[in-house]
PDB file of N, CA and C in Angstrom:
ATOM      1  N   UNK A   1      16.725  -8.924 -14.510  1.00  0.00           N
ATOM      2  CA  UNK A   1      17.734  -7.899 -14.348  1.00  0.00           C
ATOM      3  C   UNK A   1      17.215  -6.514 -14.712  1.00  0.00           C
ATOM      4  N   UNK A   2      16.264  -6.438 -15.607  1.00  0.00           N
ATOM      5  CA  UNK A   2      15.773  -5.139 -16.037  1.00  0.00           C
ATOM      6  C   UNK A   2      15.182  -4.361 -14.869  1.00  0.00           C
ATOM      7  N   UNK A   3      14.445  -5.036 -13.976  1.00  0.00           N
ATOM      8  CA  UNK A   3      13.851  -4.354 -12.835  1.00  0.00           C
ATOM      9  C   UNK A   3      14.924  -3.767 -11.923  1.00  0.00           C
ATOM     10  N   UNK A   4      15.989  -4.514 -11.682  1.00  0.00           N
ATOM     11  CA  UNK A   4      17.072  -4.019 -10.826  1.00  0.00           C
ATOM     12  C   UNK A   4      17.754  -2.821 -11.466  1.00  0.00           C
ATOM     13  N   UNK A   5      17.980  -2.879 -12.780  1.00  0.00           N
ATOM     14  CA  UNK A   5      18.600  -1.760 -13.486  1.00  0.00           C
ATOM     15  C   UNK A   5      17.708  -0.531 -13.426  1.00  0.00           C
ATOM     16  N   UNK A   6      16.422  -0.738 -13.614  1.00  0.00           N
ATOM     17  CA  UNK A   6      15.456   0.364 -13.561  1.00  0.00           C
ATOM     18  C   UNK A   6      15.431   0.973 -12.161  1.00  0.00           C
ATOM     19  N   UNK A   7      15.429   0.112 -11.141  1.00  0.00           N
ATOM     20  CA  UNK A   7      15.419   0.593  -9.761  1.00  0.00           C
ATOM     21  C   UNK A   7      16.675   1.402  -9.457  1.00  0.00           C
ATOM     22  N   UNK A   8      17.822   0.924  -9.918  1.00  0.00           N
ATOM     23  CA  UNK A   8      19.077   1.660  -9.713  1.00  0.00           C
ATOM     24  C   UNK A   8      19.019   3.028 -10.392  1.00  0.00           C
ATOM     25  N   UNK A   9      18.470   3.059 -11.589  1.00  0.00           N
ATOM     26  CA  UNK A   9      18.375   4.320 -12.332  1.00  0.00           C
ATOM     27  C   UNK A   9      17.470   5.309 -11.608  1.00  0.00           C
ATOM     28  N   UNK A  10      16.326   4.823 -11.137  1.00  0.00           N
ATOM     29  CA  UNK A  10      15.385   5.689 -10.417  1.00  0.00           C
ATOM     30  C   UNK A  10      16.006   6.161  -9.106  1.00  0.00           C
ATOM     31  N   UNK A  11      16.606   5.244  -8.368  1.00  0.00           N
ATOM     32  CA  UNK A  11      17.232   5.594  -7.092  1.00  0.00           C
ATOM     33  C   UNK A  11      18.349   6.615  -7.287  1.00  0.00           C
ATOM     34  N   UNK A  12      19.102   6.474  -8.356  1.00  0.00           N
ATOM     35  CA  UNK A  12      20.182   7.414  -8.645  1.00  0.00           C
ATOM     36  C   UNK A  12      19.688   8.819  -8.934  1.00  0.00           C
ATOM     37  N   UNK A  13      18.457   8.945  -9.402  1.00  0.00           N
ATOM     38  CA  UNK A  13      17.898  10.252  -9.728  1.00  0.00           C
ATOM     39  C   UNK A  13      17.280  10.946  -8.511  1.00  0.00           C
ATOM     40  N   UNK A  14      17.193  10.245  -7.389  1.00  0.00           N
ATOM     41  CA  UNK A  14      16.568  10.812  -6.195  1.00  0.00           C
ATOM     42  C   UNK A  14      17.539  11.681  -5.406  1.00  0.00           C
ATOM     43  N   UNK A  15      16.970  12.645  -4.681  1.00  0.00           N
ATOM     44  CA  UNK A  15      17.768  13.449  -3.758  1.00  0.00           C
ATOM     45  C   UNK A  15      18.063  12.617  -2.513  1.00  0.00           C
ATOM     46  N   UNK A  16      19.000  13.077  -1.699  1.00  0.00           N
ATOM     47  CA  UNK A  16      19.397  12.344  -0.488  1.00  0.00           C
ATOM     48  C   UNK A  16      18.208  12.115   0.442  1.00  0.00           C
ATOM     49  N   UNK A  17      17.384  13.136   0.643  1.00  0.00           N
ATOM     50  CA  UNK A  17      16.215  12.974   1.527  1.00  0.00           C
ATOM     51  C   UNK A  17      15.230  11.966   0.960  1.00  0.00           C
ATOM     52  N   UNK A  18      15.077  11.950  -0.344  1.00  0.00           N
ATOM     53  CA  UNK A  18      14.171  10.986  -0.972  1.00  0.00           C
ATOM     54  C   UNK A  18      14.694   9.558  -0.821  1.00  0.00           C
ATOM     55  N   UNK A  19      16.004   9.399  -0.867  1.00  0.00           N
ATOM     56  CA  UNK A  19      16.594   8.064  -0.660  1.00  0.00           C
ATOM     57  C   UNK A  19      16.360   7.577   0.766  1.00  0.00           C
ATOM     58  N   UNK A  20      16.446   8.488   1.726  1.00  0.00           N
ATOM     59  CA  UNK A  20      16.180   8.131   3.127  1.00  0.00           C
ATOM     60  C   UNK A  20      14.730   7.690   3.277  1.00  0.00           C
ATOM     61  N   UNK A  21      13.811   8.437   2.681  1.00  0.00           N
ATOM     62  CA  UNK A  21      12.391   8.075   2.742  1.00  0.00           C
ATOM     63  C   UNK A  21      12.142   6.728   2.072  1.00  0.00           C
ATOM     64  N   UNK A  22      12.839   6.474   0.990  1.00  0.00           N
ATOM     65  CA  UNK A  22      12.685   5.212   0.265  1.00  0.00           C
ATOM     66  C   UNK A  22      13.024   4.020   1.155  1.00  0.00           C
ATOM     67  N   UNK A  23      13.979   4.198   2.050  1.00  0.00           N
ATOM     68  CA  UNK A  23      14.370   3.115   2.957  1.00  0.00           C
ATOM     69  C   UNK A  23      13.362   2.899   4.079  1.00  0.00           C
ATOM     70  N   UNK A  24      12.620   3.953   4.457  1.00  0.00           N
ATOM     71  CA  UNK A  24      11.737   3.843   5.618  1.00  0.00           C
ATOM     72  C   UNK A  24      10.256   3.714   5.264  1.00  0.00           C
ATOM     73  N   UNK A  25       9.893   3.861   4.009  1.00  0.00           N
ATOM     74  CA  UNK A  25       8.492   3.796   3.599  1.00  0.00           C
ATOM     75  C   UNK A  25       8.262   2.649   2.621  1.00  0.00           C
ATOM     76  N   UNK A  26       7.031   2.127   2.644  1.00  0.00           N
ATOM     77  CA  UNK A  26       6.628   1.114   1.666  1.00  0.00           C
ATOM     78  C   UNK A  26       5.717   1.776   0.645  1.00  0.00           C
ATOM     79  N   UNK A  27       5.834   1.359  -0.588  1.00  0.00           N
ATOM     80  CA  UNK A  27       5.015   1.927  -1.659  1.00  0.00           C
ATOM     81  C   UNK A  27       3.999   0.888  -2.105  1.00  0.00           C
ATOM     82  N   UNK A  28       2.721   1.297  -2.136  1.00  0.00           N
ATOM     83  CA  UNK A  28       1.659   0.460  -2.688  1.00  0.00           C
ATOM     84  C   UNK A  28       0.928   1.285  -3.736  1.00  0.00           C
ATOM     85  N   UNK A  29       0.220   0.613  -4.610  1.00  0.00           N
ATOM     86  CA  UNK A  29      -0.557   1.316  -5.628  1.00  0.00           C
ATOM     87  C   UNK A  29      -2.024   1.000  -5.427  1.00  0.00           C
ATOM     88  N   UNK A  30      -2.842   2.046  -5.484  1.00  0.00           N
ATOM     89  CA  UNK A  30      -4.286   1.885  -5.359  1.00  0.00           C
ATOM     90  C   UNK A  30      -4.942   2.354  -6.651  1.00  0.00           C
ATOM     91  N   UNK A  31      -6.197   1.967  -6.835  1.00  0.00           N
ATOM     92  CA  UNK A  31      -6.923   2.368  -8.032  1.00  0.00           C
ATOM     93  C   UNK A  31      -7.277   3.841  -8.001  1.00  0.00           C
ATOM     94  N   UNK A  32      -7.080   4.485  -9.125  1.00  0.00           N
ATOM     95  CA  UNK A  32      -7.412   5.899  -9.251  1.00  0.00           C
ATOM     96  C   UNK A  32      -8.507   6.100 -10.286  1.00  0.00           C
ATOM     97  N   UNK A  33      -8.646   7.301 -10.750  1.00  0.00           N
ATOM     98  CA  UNK A  33      -9.660   7.632 -11.748  1.00  0.00           C
ATOM     99  C   UNK A  33      -9.314   7.021 -13.098  1.00  0.00           C
ATOM    100  N   UNK A  34     -10.336   6.630 -13.811  1.00  0.00           N
ATOM    101  CA  UNK A  34     -10.212   6.117 -15.183  1.00  0.00           C
ATOM    102  C   UNK A  34      -9.218   4.963 -15.302  1.00  0.00           C
ATOM    103  N   UNK A  35      -9.179   4.104 -14.283  1.00  0.00           N
ATOM    104  CA  UNK A  35      -8.328   2.922 -14.344  1.00  0.00           C
ATOM    105  C   UNK A  35      -6.851   3.160 -14.083  1.00  0.00           C
ATOM    106  N   UNK A  36      -6.490   4.381 -13.724  1.00  0.00           N
ATOM    107  CA  UNK A  36      -5.075   4.648 -13.446  1.00  0.00           C
ATOM    108  C   UNK A  36      -4.711   4.137 -12.050  1.00  0.00           C
ATOM    109  N   UNK A  37      -3.432   4.037 -11.776  1.00  0.00           N
ATOM    110  CA  UNK A  37      -2.983   3.656 -10.444  1.00  0.00           C
ATOM    111  C   UNK A  37      -2.340   4.857  -9.769  1.00  0.00           C
ATOM    112  N   UNK A  38      -2.499   4.917  -8.457  1.00  0.00           N
ATOM    113  CA  UNK A  38      -1.964   6.023  -7.673  1.00  0.00           C
ATOM    114  C   UNK A  38      -1.009   5.450  -6.628  1.00  0.00           C
ATOM    115  N   UNK A  39       0.242   5.895  -6.613  1.00  0.00           N
ATOM    116  CA  UNK A  39       1.168   5.390  -5.601  1.00  0.00           C
ATOM    117  C   UNK A  39       0.873   6.011  -4.238  1.00  0.00           C
ATOM    118  N   UNK A  40       0.949   5.186  -3.197  1.00  0.00           N
ATOM    119  CA  UNK A  40       0.743   5.642  -1.825  1.00  0.00           C
ATOM    120  C   UNK A  40       1.933   5.159  -0.998  1.00  0.00           C
ATOM    121  N   UNK A  41       2.501   6.053  -0.212  1.00  0.00           N
ATOM    122  CA  UNK A  41       3.620   5.697   0.653  1.00  0.00           C
ATOM    123  C   UNK A  41       3.101   5.429   2.056  1.00  0.00           C
ATOM    124  N   UNK A  42       3.523   4.306   2.646  1.00  0.00           N
ATOM    125  CA  UNK A  42       3.075   3.916   3.977  1.00  0.00           C
ATOM    126  C   UNK A  42       4.261   3.804   4.922  1.00  0.00           C
ATOM    127  N   UNK A  43       4.074   4.310   6.134  1.00  0.00           N
ATOM    128  CA  UNK A  43       5.081   4.080   7.162  1.00  0.00           C
ATOM    129  C   UNK A  43       4.947   2.637   7.638  1.00  0.00           C
ATOM    130  N   UNK A  44       5.950   2.150   8.353  1.00  0.00           N
ATOM    131  CA  UNK A  44       5.884   0.787   8.879  1.00  0.00           C
ATOM    132  C   UNK A  44       4.721   0.644   9.853  1.00  0.00           C
ATOM    133  N   UNK A  45       4.465   1.681  10.651  1.00  0.00           N
ATOM    134  CA  UNK A  45       3.359   1.632  11.615  1.00  0.00           C
ATOM    135  C   UNK A  45       2.020   1.532  10.889  1.00  0.00           C
ATOM    136  N   UNK A  46       1.827   2.330   9.851  1.00  0.00           N
ATOM    137  CA  UNK A  46       0.586   2.278   9.082  1.00  0.00           C
ATOM    138  C   UNK A  46       0.415   0.917   8.434  1.00  0.00           C
ATOM    139  N   UNK A  47       1.487   0.368   7.923  1.00  0.00           N
ATOM    140  CA  UNK A  47       1.436  -0.954   7.299  1.00  0.00           C
ATOM    141  C   UNK A  47       1.016  -2.013   8.324  1.00  0.00           C
ATOM    142  N   UNK A  48       1.565  -1.951   9.541  1.00  0.00           N
ATOM    143  CA  UNK A  48       1.182  -2.900  10.599  1.00  0.00           C
ATOM    144  C   UNK A  48      -0.287  -2.734  10.978  1.00  0.00           C
ATOM    145  N   UNK A  49      -0.763  -1.494  11.018  1.00  0.00           N
ATOM    146  CA  UNK A  49      -2.173  -1.235  11.343  1.00  0.00           C
ATOM    147  C   UNK A  49      -3.097  -1.822  10.279  1.00  0.00           C
ATOM    148  N   UNK A  50      -2.742  -1.680   9.025  1.00  0.00           N
ATOM    149  CA  UNK A  50      -3.545  -2.249   7.940  1.00  0.00           C
ATOM    150  C   UNK A  50      -3.550  -3.769   8.030  1.00  0.00           C
ATOM    151  N   UNK A  51      -2.405  -4.360   8.327  1.00  0.00           N
ATOM    152  CA  UNK A  51      -2.340  -5.816   8.496  1.00  0.00           C
ATOM    153  C   UNK A  51      -3.227  -6.266   9.653  1.00  0.00           C
ATOM    154  N   UNK A  52      -3.291  -5.474  10.722  1.00  0.00           N
ATOM    155  CA  UNK A  52      -4.151  -5.782  11.862  1.00  0.00           C
ATOM    156  C   UNK A  52      -5.626  -5.713  11.460  1.00  0.00           C
ATOM    157  N   UNK A  53      -5.977  -4.710  10.656  1.00  0.00           N
ATOM    158  CA  UNK A  53      -7.353  -4.617  10.150  1.00  0.00           C
ATOM    159  C   UNK A  53      -7.720  -5.860   9.343  1.00  0.00           C
ATOM    160  N   UNK A  54      -6.820  -6.304   8.474  1.00  0.00           N
ATOM    161  CA  UNK A  54      -7.075  -7.504   7.673  1.00  0.00           C
ATOM    162  C   UNK A  54      -7.209  -8.746   8.544  1.00  0.00           C
ATOM    163  N   UNK A  55      -6.403  -8.820   9.590  1.00  0.00           N
ATOM    164  CA  UNK A  55      -6.430  -9.992  10.466  1.00  0.00           C
ATOM    165  C   UNK A  55      -7.788 -10.152  11.155  1.00  0.00           C
ATOM    166  N   UNK A  56      -8.393  -9.040  11.572  1.00  0.00           N
ATOM    167  CA  UNK A  56      -9.618  -9.101  12.369  1.00  0.00           C
ATOM    168  C   UNK A  56     -10.887  -8.778  11.587  1.00  0.00           C
ATOM    169  N   UNK A  57     -10.803  -8.597  10.297  1.00  0.00           N
ATOM    170  CA  UNK A  57     -11.988  -8.199   9.522  1.00  0.00           C
ATOM    171  C   UNK A  57     -13.092  -9.242   9.570  1.00  0.00           C
ATOM    172  N   UNK A  58     -12.761 -10.525   9.572  1.00  0.00           N
ATOM    173  CA  UNK A  58     -13.777 -11.575   9.660  1.00  0.00           C
ATOM    174  C   UNK A  58     -14.535 -11.508  10.970  1.00  0.00           C
ATOM    175  N   UNK A  59     -13.835 -11.243  12.053  1.00  0.00           N
ATOM    176  CA  UNK A  59     -14.455 -11.107  13.369  1.00  0.00           C
ATOM    177  C   UNK A  59     -15.398  -9.910  13.401  1.00  0.00           C
ATOM    178  N   UNK A  60     -15.082  -8.876  12.648  1.00  0.00           N
ATOM    179  CA  UNK A  60     -15.918  -7.675  12.593  1.00  0.00           C
ATOM    180  C   UNK A  60     -17.093  -7.830  11.635  1.00  0.00           C
ATOM    181  N   UNK A  61     -17.178  -8.969  10.946  1.00  0.00           N
ATOM    182  CA  UNK A  61     -18.294  -9.209  10.040  1.00  0.00           C
ATOM    183  C   UNK A  61     -18.085  -8.720   8.625  1.00  0.00           C
ATOM    184  N   UNK A  62     -16.860  -8.416   8.259  1.00  0.00           N
ATOM    185  CA  UNK A  62     -16.565  -7.980   6.891  1.00  0.00           C
ATOM    186  C   UNK A  62     -16.354  -9.227   6.037  1.00  0.00           C
ATOM    187  N   UNK A  63     -17.040  -9.286   4.909  1.00  0.00           N
ATOM    188  CA  UNK A  63     -16.967 -10.453   4.027  1.00  0.00           C
ATOM    189  C   UNK A  63     -15.541 -10.673   3.519  1.00  0.00           C
ATOM    190  N   UNK A  64     -15.167 -11.942   3.375  1.00  0.00           N
ATOM    191  CA  UNK A  64     -13.812 -12.280   2.915  1.00  0.00           C
ATOM    192  C   UNK A  64     -13.528 -11.769   1.507  1.00  0.00           C
ATOM    193  N   UNK A  65     -14.573 -11.675   0.677  1.00  0.00           N
ATOM    194  CA  UNK A  65     -14.356 -11.242  -0.708  1.00  0.00           C
ATOM    195  C   UNK A  65     -14.348  -9.717  -0.860  1.00  0.00           C
ATOM    196  N   UNK A  66     -14.491  -8.974   0.234  1.00  0.00           N
ATOM    197  CA  UNK A  66     -14.435  -7.514   0.186  1.00  0.00           C
ATOM    198  C   UNK A  66     -12.975  -7.085   0.173  1.00  0.00           C
ATOM    199  N   UNK A  67     -12.558  -6.423  -0.880  1.00  0.00           N
ATOM    200  CA  UNK A  67     -11.154  -6.072  -1.030  1.00  0.00           C
ATOM    201  C   UNK A  67     -10.825  -4.668  -0.540  1.00  0.00           C
ATOM    202  N   UNK A  68     -11.807  -3.953   0.036  1.00  0.00           N
ATOM    203  CA  UNK A  68     -11.537  -2.629   0.602  1.00  0.00           C
ATOM    204  C   UNK A  68     -10.844  -2.768   1.949  1.00  0.00           C
ATOM    205  N   UNK A  69      -9.924  -1.884   2.251  1.00  0.00           N
ATOM    206  CA  UNK A  69      -9.217  -1.942   3.531  1.00  0.00           C
ATOM    207  C   UNK A  69     -10.180  -1.623   4.667  1.00  0.00           C
ATOM    208  N   UNK A  70     -10.974  -0.580   4.526  1.00  0.00           N
ATOM    209  CA  UNK A  70     -11.961  -0.203   5.534  1.00  0.00           C
ATOM    210  C   UNK A  70     -13.332  -0.438   4.919  1.00  0.00           C
ATOM    211  N   UNK A  71     -14.127  -1.299   5.554  1.00  0.00           N
ATOM    212  CA  UNK A  71     -15.422  -1.668   4.983  1.00  0.00           C
ATOM    213  C   UNK A  71     -16.488  -1.697   6.068  1.00  0.00           C
ATOM    214  N   UNK A  72     -17.736  -1.481   5.662  1.00  0.00           N
ATOM    215  CA  UNK A  72     -18.853  -1.570   6.601  1.00  0.00           C
ATOM    216  C   UNK A  72     -19.220  -3.036   6.800  1.00  0.00           C
ATOM    217  N   UNK A  73     -19.355  -3.473   8.046  1.00  0.00           N
ATOM    218  CA  UNK A  73     -19.782  -4.858   8.276  1.00  0.00           C
ATOM    219  C   UNK A  73     -21.261  -5.027   7.978  1.00  0.00           C
ATOM    220  N   UNK A  74     -21.632  -6.179   7.461  1.00  0.00           N
ATOM    221  CA  UNK A  74     -23.022  -6.593   7.258  1.00  0.00           C
ATOM    222  C   UNK A  74     -23.806  -5.775   6.239  1.00  0.00           C
ATOM    223  N   UNK A  75     -23.217  -4.876   5.513  1.00  0.00           N
ATOM    224  CA  UNK A  75     -23.951  -4.082   4.524  1.00  0.00           C
ATOM    225  C   UNK A  75     -23.439  -4.390   3.121  1.00  0.00           C
ATOM    226  N   UNK A  76     -23.548  -5.650   2.741  1.00  0.00           N
ATOM    227  CA  UNK A  76     -23.065  -6.049   1.423  1.00  0.00           C
ATOM    228  C   UNK A  76     -21.551  -5.983   1.326  1.00  0.00           C
ATOM    229  N   UNK A  77     -20.904  -5.992   2.489  1.00  0.00           N
ATOM    230  CA  UNK A  77     -19.443  -5.855   2.471  1.00  0.00           C
ATOM    231  C   UNK A  77     -18.755  -7.185   2.381  1.00  0.00           C
TER     232      UNK A  77
END
């Protein structure tokens, strides 16, 4: 329940335009400097494109253990 309460509190503090964006964008966190995390907002189209990259990465020669979204094939990737 704490997560839902926290989400309600955060959502309540947003402006109307920010609430609209919240409904249409996905939030992911990536690694930043000194171990911090950086939030990134993705449109649905961008999210589908990233999923497509993951689907075909093996065919492109990107190693399964490579956790980068965009990676060089065959170069220790």
